[in-house]
Structure formats: C-alpha cells, structure tokens
Amino acid sequence: MSRPLKVVAVSGGTWRPSRTLVLTQALLAQLAEHLPIESKLIELGDIARPLGAALSRQEVSAQIEAELQAIEKADLLIVATPVYRGSYPGLLKHLFDLIDLNALINTPVLLAATGGSERHALVLDHQLRPLFSFFQALTLPIGVYATEADFSNYQITSEPLKARIRLAAERAAPLFSAYPDPLLKIA
C-alpha cells in the first residue's frame, strides 16, 4: 500500500459519555492493528447544532463542510449509531443527506450500532445497509451491534463483543491489503 488508508469514523451519538463512541473507537483501534491507517473521528454531538440548522449544503459552516468532505474522500467509512425508537437518529440521516450522491460509490462501509437490547440488532441490516446501498457504497458483510449489557462504566466488557470487533477488522483488512493504492477504492 503506497499510503495509509484514510479511515473516517462517524459516531452518530449526541450525548457524552457514549457507548457508541466507545464502540467506534474500538473499531478504529482494531483496524489500526491490521492496516496502516490515518483516522479521523467525527462525533455527531460536536456538530449537531450547526448541522441541524443547515437546510442545504450551501448553508453549512466551514467546519461541517470539512467533515462532509472528509466523509466523501474516505477510503473506508465506519458508521456507528445509537438506536433510538427502532432506528438511527434523524440528525445522522441529515448528515448523510448533505453528502454528494456519487461521492461514496464503491466506498467500503463498516456498520456498527448500539442499543438498549438485542431487539434492535437488525438496525444494521434493515436501516443502515439500505441507506448506504442508496449511495452505492459497499457495506462490509460483518457489522457490529452492542447492547448496554456489553459495557460497564462505558468500557467494553463483553468478550463476545470484543471478538466481533476483532472479526470485523480481520475481515476488512484483506480487502485493502490486496489493493496497492486505496485511491482506486474497491471496484
């Protein structure tokens, strides 16, 4: 690989502390163990108010424009979201509503979510995959879902969750090690 992979991770929670943020950071750390990466973490909570005030891309601040461009130029996206009332937050959807329609074509996306119980685990397949399918992005086959029971004091304590995070990173790594230049994206 001629340069590190540009990995942009979006943590879709707006509260601190955040299990979604902890999960996002764990995924980034695992990927870094398998691939040379240059990572950028976008926390929705940090940009929530100005993002919500923008009705179009022309209205966003320079800070939000920079975050949108980082998402659009990523070699790999990690998108993690909390589940609220059966779906991802509307503000996360609004963020992706501002992304150029063609910017994520063939961009690999690792999906992750946190929820109060197992009953929301299908959010990965029934909510997030269709969103990124619209963008013609390539959602990686292994997503990561975590519940409150997987954490203690905002630290991952569940061995099965840790194993799932490792597996997601292990399965993502060969997709990139086979390509000498991540600028080509997976085609």
C-alpha atoms as a PDB file:
ATOM      1  CA  MET A   1       0.000   0.000   0.000  1.00  0.00           C
ATOM      2  CA  SER A   2       1.528   3.299  -1.052  1.00  0.00           C
ATOM      3  CA  ARG A   3      -0.065   5.405   1.702  1.00  0.00           C
ATOM      4  CA  PRO A   4      -2.136   4.829   4.812  1.00  0.00           C
ATOM      5  CA  LEU A   5      -5.847   4.244   4.336  1.00  0.00           C
ATOM      6  CA  LYS A   6      -7.974   7.264   5.106  1.00  0.00           C
ATOM      7  CA  VAL A   7     -10.492   5.893   7.571  1.00  0.00           C
ATOM      8  CA  VAL A   8     -13.274   8.224   8.624  1.00  0.00           C
ATOM      9  CA  ALA A   9     -15.379   7.098  11.559  1.00  0.00           C
ATOM     10  CA  VAL A  10     -18.722   8.741  12.252  1.00  0.00           C
ATOM     11  CA  SER A  11     -20.044   8.281  15.769  1.00  0.00           C
ATOM     12  CA  GLY A  12     -23.739   9.110  15.492  1.00  0.00           C
ATOM     13  CA  GLY A  13     -24.467   9.755  19.150  1.00  0.00           C
ATOM     14  CA  THR A  14     -25.050  13.212  20.537  1.00  0.00           C
ATOM     15  CA  TRP A  15     -24.513  12.539  24.264  1.00  0.00           C
ATOM     16  CA  ARG A  16     -21.437  12.101  26.405  1.00  0.00           C
ATOM     17  CA  PRO A  17     -20.484   9.663  27.725  1.00  0.00           C
ATOM     18  CA  SER A  18     -21.397   7.473  24.769  1.00  0.00           C
ATOM     19  CA  ARG A  19     -21.289   3.721  24.257  1.00  0.00           C
ATOM     20  CA  THR A  20     -21.490   4.408  20.518  1.00  0.00           C
ATOM     21  CA  LEU A  21     -18.306   6.470  20.717  1.00  0.00           C
ATOM     22  CA  VAL A  22     -16.559   3.732  22.724  1.00  0.00           C
ATOM     23  CA  LEU A  23     -17.568   1.164  20.094  1.00  0.00           C
ATOM     24  CA  THR A  24     -16.383   3.436  17.277  1.00  0.00           C
ATOM     25  CA  GLN A  25     -13.008   3.947  18.943  1.00  0.00           C
ATOM     26  CA  ALA A  26     -12.637   0.194  19.490  1.00  0.00           C
ATOM     27  CA  LEU A  27     -13.284  -0.458  15.798  1.00  0.00           C
ATOM     28  CA  LEU A  28     -10.712   2.161  14.788  1.00  0.00           C
ATOM     29  CA  ALA A  29      -8.146   0.652  17.162  1.00  0.00           C
ATOM     30  CA  GLN A  30      -8.713  -2.856  15.788  1.00  0.00           C
ATOM     31  CA  LEU A  31      -8.391  -1.684  12.190  1.00  0.00           C
ATOM     32  CA  ALA A  32      -5.132   0.048  13.099  1.00  0.00           C
ATOM     33  CA  GLU A  33      -3.790  -3.297  14.300  1.00  0.00           C
ATOM     34  CA  HIS A  34      -4.357  -4.805  10.857  1.00  0.00           C
ATOM     35  CA  LEU A  35      -3.788  -1.935   8.434  1.00  0.00           C
ATOM     36  CA  PRO A  36      -1.785   1.264   8.164  1.00  0.00           C
ATOM     37  CA  ILE A  37      -4.491   3.866   8.645  1.00  0.00           C
ATOM     38  CA  GLU A  38      -4.863   7.584   9.011  1.00  0.00           C
ATOM     39  CA  SER A  39      -8.035   8.023  11.017  1.00  0.00           C
ATOM     40  CA  LYS A  40     -10.458  10.847  11.536  1.00  0.00           C
ATOM     41  CA  LEU A  41     -13.267  10.652  14.062  1.00  0.00           C
ATOM     42  CA  ILE A  42     -16.392  12.723  13.527  1.00  0.00           C
ATOM     43  CA  GLU A  43     -18.634  12.943  16.567  1.00  0.00           C
ATOM     44  CA  LEU A  44     -22.158  13.958  15.653  1.00  0.00           C
ATOM     45  CA  GLY A  45     -22.593  15.620  19.046  1.00  0.00           C
ATOM     46  CA  ASP A  46     -19.783  18.065  18.237  1.00  0.00           C
ATOM     47  CA  ILE A  47     -21.520  19.358  15.113  1.00  0.00           C
ATOM     48  CA  ALA A  48     -25.171  18.682  15.954  1.00  0.00           C
ATOM     49  CA  ARG A  49     -26.475  22.209  16.448  1.00  0.00           C
ATOM     50  CA  PRO A  50     -24.940  23.894  13.398  1.00  0.00           C
ATOM     51  CA  LEU A  51     -25.638  20.795  11.295  1.00  0.00           C
ATOM     52  CA  GLY A  52     -29.293  20.803  12.278  1.00  0.00           C
ATOM     53  CA  ALA A  53     -29.619  24.475  11.326  1.00  0.00           C
ATOM     54  CA  ALA A  54     -28.425  23.868   7.757  1.00  0.00           C
ATOM     55  CA  LEU A  55     -31.164  23.017   5.293  1.00  0.00           C
ATOM     56  CA  SER A  56     -28.736  22.517   2.408  1.00  0.00           C
ATOM     57  CA  ARG A  57     -25.025  22.062   1.812  1.00  0.00           C
ATOM     58  CA  GLN A  58     -24.760  25.698   0.801  1.00  0.00           C
ATOM     59  CA  GLU A  59     -25.736  26.683   4.346  1.00  0.00           C
ATOM     60  CA  VAL A  60     -23.184  24.633   6.284  1.00  0.00           C
ATOM     61  CA  SER A  61     -20.274  26.172   8.157  1.00  0.00           C
ATOM     62  CA  ALA A  62     -16.681  25.675   7.068  1.00  0.00           C
ATOM     63  CA  GLN A  63     -16.235  23.130   9.885  1.00  0.00           C
ATOM     64  CA  ILE A  64     -19.148  20.997   8.717  1.00  0.00           C
ATOM     65  CA  GLU A  65     -18.073  21.321   5.083  1.00  0.00           C
ATOM     66  CA  ALA A  66     -14.669  19.938   6.092  1.00  0.00           C
ATOM     67  CA  GLU A  67     -16.357  16.988   7.836  1.00  0.00           C
ATOM     68  CA  LEU A  68     -18.543  16.304   4.781  1.00  0.00           C
ATOM     69  CA  GLN A  69     -15.505  16.382   2.510  1.00  0.00           C
ATOM     70  CA  ALA A  70     -13.639  14.001   4.816  1.00  0.00           C
ATOM     71  CA  ILE A  71     -16.534  11.532   4.581  1.00  0.00           C
ATOM     72  CA  GLU A  72     -16.631  11.872   0.803  1.00  0.00           C
ATOM     73  CA  LYS A  73     -12.870  11.309   0.431  1.00  0.00           C
ATOM     74  CA  ALA A  74     -12.579   8.368   2.832  1.00  0.00           C
ATOM     75  CA  ASP A  75     -11.088   5.101   1.673  1.00  0.00           C
ATOM     76  CA  LEU A  76     -13.131   3.355   4.360  1.00  0.00           C
ATOM     77  CA  LEU A  77     -16.004   4.619   6.468  1.00  0.00           C
ATOM     78  CA  ILE A  78     -17.035   3.385   9.864  1.00  0.00           C
ATOM     79  CA  VAL A  79     -20.550   4.488  10.679  1.00  0.00           C
ATOM     80  CA  ALA A  80     -21.756   3.777  14.196  1.00  0.00           C
ATOM     81  CA  THR A  81     -25.091   4.856  15.576  1.00  0.00           C
ATOM     82  CA  PRO A  82     -27.154   4.577  18.678  1.00  0.00           C
ATOM     83  CA  VAL A  83     -30.626   3.162  18.126  1.00  0.00           C
ATOM     84  CA  TYR A  84     -33.476   5.430  19.156  1.00  0.00           C
ATOM     85  CA  ARG A  85     -37.009   4.120  18.845  1.00  0.00           C
ATOM     86  CA  GLY A  86     -36.083   1.455  16.360  1.00  0.00           C
ATOM     87  CA  SER A  87     -33.838   3.477  14.040  1.00  0.00           C
ATOM     88  CA  TYR A  88     -30.781   5.683  13.772  1.00  0.00           C
ATOM     89  CA  PRO A  89     -31.119   9.360  14.777  1.00  0.00           C
ATOM     90  CA  GLY A  90     -32.582  11.772  12.257  1.00  0.00           C
ATOM     91  CA  LEU A  91     -29.581  14.057  12.618  1.00  0.00           C
ATOM     92  CA  LEU A  92     -27.311  11.251  11.401  1.00  0.00           C
ATOM     93  CA  LYS A  93     -29.553  10.870   8.360  1.00  0.00           C
ATOM     94  CA  HIS A  94     -29.414  14.640   7.855  1.00  0.00           C
ATOM     95  CA  LEU A  95     -25.607  14.470   7.811  1.00  0.00           C
ATOM     96  CA  PHE A  96     -25.735  11.905   5.022  1.00  0.00           C
ATOM     97  CA  ASP A  97     -28.457  13.868   3.225  1.00  0.00           C
ATOM     98  CA  LEU A  98     -25.766  16.503   2.657  1.00  0.00           C
ATOM     99  CA  ILE A  99     -23.272  14.059   1.124  1.00  0.00           C
ATOM    100  CA  ASP A 100     -22.859  14.203  -2.654  1.00  0.00           C
ATOM    101  CA  LEU A 101     -24.894  11.441  -4.309  1.00  0.00           C
ATOM    102  CA  ASN A 102     -21.890   9.977  -6.132  1.00  0.00           C
ATOM    103  CA  ALA A 103     -19.176  10.512  -3.524  1.00  0.00           C
ATOM    104  CA  LEU A 104     -19.490   7.145  -1.784  1.00  0.00           C
ATOM    105  CA  ILE A 105     -19.724   4.877  -4.836  1.00  0.00           C
ATOM    106  CA  ASN A 106     -17.665   1.742  -4.069  1.00  0.00           C
ATOM    107  CA  THR A 107     -16.559   3.101  -0.702  1.00  0.00           C
ATOM    108  CA  PRO A 108     -16.413   0.303   1.868  1.00  0.00           C
ATOM    109  CA  VAL A 109     -18.502   0.996   4.981  1.00  0.00           C
ATOM    110  CA  LEU A 110     -18.240  -0.888   8.260  1.00  0.00           C
ATOM    111  CA  LEU A 111     -21.552  -0.590  10.098  1.00  0.00           C
ATOM    112  CA  ALA A 112     -21.996  -0.555  13.860  1.00  0.00           C
ATOM    113  CA  ALA A 113     -24.778   0.263  16.284  1.00  0.00           C
ATOM    114  CA  THR A 114     -25.570   0.327  19.973  1.00  0.00           C
ATOM    115  CA  GLY A 115     -28.942  -0.219  21.542  1.00  0.00           C
ATOM    116  CA  GLY A 116     -30.603  -0.956  24.824  1.00  0.00           C
ATOM    117  CA  SER A 117     -31.333  -4.581  23.989  1.00  0.00           C
ATOM    118  CA  GLU A 118     -30.940  -7.258  21.326  1.00  0.00           C
ATOM    119  CA  ARG A 119     -34.329  -6.380  19.853  1.00  0.00           C
ATOM    120  CA  HIS A 120     -32.743  -3.551  17.849  1.00  0.00           C
ATOM    121  CA  ALA A 121     -29.902  -5.629  16.366  1.00  0.00           C
ATOM    122  CA  LEU A 122     -31.477  -5.695  12.905  1.00  0.00           C
ATOM    123  CA  VAL A 123     -30.964  -1.939  12.558  1.00  0.00           C
ATOM    124  CA  LEU A 124     -27.717  -2.768  10.767  1.00  0.00           C
ATOM    125  CA  ASP A 125     -29.444  -4.731   8.021  1.00  0.00           C
ATOM    126  CA  HIS A 126     -32.834  -3.036   7.849  1.00  0.00           C
ATOM    127  CA  GLN A 127     -31.880   0.606   8.334  1.00  0.00           C
ATOM    128  CA  LEU A 128     -28.176   1.251   7.697  1.00  0.00           C
ATOM    129  CA  ARG A 129     -27.472  -1.097   4.766  1.00  0.00           C
ATOM    130  CA  PRO A 130     -30.295   0.411   2.666  1.00  0.00           C
ATOM    131  CA  LEU A 131     -29.011   3.929   3.375  1.00  0.00           C
ATOM    132  CA  PHE A 132     -25.542   3.094   2.073  1.00  0.00           C
ATOM    133  CA  SER A 133     -26.921   0.982  -0.740  1.00  0.00           C
ATOM    134  CA  PHE A 134     -28.575   4.171  -1.992  1.00  0.00           C
ATOM    135  CA  PHE A 135     -25.109   5.734  -2.174  1.00  0.00           C
ATOM    136  CA  GLN A 136     -23.791   2.625  -3.989  1.00  0.00           C
ATOM    137  CA  ALA A 137     -21.313   2.153  -1.169  1.00  0.00           C
ATOM    138  CA  LEU A 138     -20.085  -1.322  -0.280  1.00  0.00           C
ATOM    139  CA  THR A 139     -21.241  -2.256   3.180  1.00  0.00           C
ATOM    140  CA  LEU A 140     -18.930  -4.826   4.688  1.00  0.00           C
ATOM    141  CA  PRO A 141     -20.621  -8.131   5.450  1.00  0.00           C
ATOM    142  CA  ILE A 142     -19.830  -8.122   9.156  1.00  0.00           C
ATOM    143  CA  GLY A 143     -21.408  -5.357  11.196  1.00  0.00           C
ATOM    144  CA  VAL A 144     -21.107  -4.885  14.934  1.00  0.00           C
ATOM    145  CA  TYR A 145     -24.063  -4.452  17.260  1.00  0.00           C
ATOM    146  CA  ALA A 146     -23.722  -3.898  21.003  1.00  0.00           C
ATOM    147  CA  THR A 147     -26.196  -3.598  23.855  1.00  0.00           C
ATOM    148  CA  GLU A 148     -25.958  -1.886  27.216  1.00  0.00           C
ATOM    149  CA  ALA A 149     -25.081  -5.278  28.734  1.00  0.00           C
ATOM    150  CA  ASP A 150     -21.835  -5.310  26.710  1.00  0.00           C
ATOM    151  CA  PHE A 151     -20.499  -2.298  28.640  1.00  0.00           C
ATOM    152  CA  SER A 152     -19.651  -1.482  32.201  1.00  0.00           C
ATOM    153  CA  ASN A 153     -18.995   2.149  33.075  1.00  0.00           C
ATOM    154  CA  TYR A 154     -18.675   2.949  29.350  1.00  0.00           C
ATOM    155  CA  GLN A 155     -15.987   0.327  28.802  1.00  0.00           C
ATOM    156  CA  ILE A 156     -16.475  -2.758  26.648  1.00  0.00           C
ATOM    157  CA  THR A 157     -16.556  -5.729  28.993  1.00  0.00           C
ATOM    158  CA  SER A 158     -18.230  -8.360  26.819  1.00  0.00           C
ATOM    159  CA  GLU A 159     -15.828 -10.920  25.378  1.00  0.00           C
ATOM    160  CA  PRO A 160     -18.257 -11.819  22.537  1.00  0.00           C
ATOM    161  CA  LEU A 161     -18.423  -8.132  21.545  1.00  0.00           C
ATOM    162  CA  LYS A 162     -14.635  -7.837  21.634  1.00  0.00           C
ATOM    163  CA  ALA A 163     -14.431 -10.934  19.427  1.00  0.00           C
ATOM    164  CA  ARG A 164     -16.961  -9.455  16.981  1.00  0.00           C
ATOM    165  CA  ILE A 165     -14.939  -6.222  16.763  1.00  0.00           C
ATOM    166  CA  ARG A 166     -11.776  -8.235  16.069  1.00  0.00           C
ATOM    167  CA  LEU A 167     -13.569 -10.319  13.444  1.00  0.00           C
ATOM    168  CA  ALA A 168     -14.946  -7.229  11.681  1.00  0.00           C
ATOM    169  CA  ALA A 169     -11.441  -5.729  11.448  1.00  0.00           C
ATOM    170  CA  GLU A 170      -9.863  -9.028  10.412  1.00  0.00           C
ATOM    171  CA  ARG A 171     -12.395  -9.461   7.619  1.00  0.00           C
ATOM    172  CA  ALA A 172     -11.996  -5.864   6.426  1.00  0.00           C
ATOM    173  CA  ALA A 173      -8.197  -5.892   6.274  1.00  0.00           C
ATOM    174  CA  PRO A 174      -7.725  -8.292   3.321  1.00  0.00           C
ATOM    175  CA  LEU A 175      -9.960  -6.114   1.177  1.00  0.00           C
ATOM    176  CA  PHE A 176      -7.335  -3.392   1.374  1.00  0.00           C
ATOM    177  CA  SER A 177      -4.107  -5.335   1.589  1.00  0.00           C
ATOM    178  CA  ALA A 178      -4.888  -6.760  -1.861  1.00  0.00           C
ATOM    179  CA  TYR A 179      -5.051  -3.283  -3.385  1.00  0.00           C
ATOM    180  CA  PRO A 180      -1.775  -1.401  -3.818  1.00  0.00           C
ATOM    181  CA  ASP A 181      -3.454   2.008  -3.907  1.00  0.00           C
ATOM    182  CA  PRO A 182      -6.538   2.763  -1.823  1.00  0.00           C
ATOM    183  CA  LEU A 183      -7.326   5.664  -4.144  1.00  0.00           C
ATOM    184  CA  LEU A 184      -8.736   3.097  -6.536  1.00  0.00           C
ATOM    185  CA  LYS A 185     -11.318   2.065  -3.949  1.00  0.00           C
ATOM    186  CA  ILE A 186     -12.815  -1.349  -4.294  1.00  0.00           C
ATOM    187  CA  ALA A 187     -14.422  -1.797  -7.694  1.00  0.00           C
END
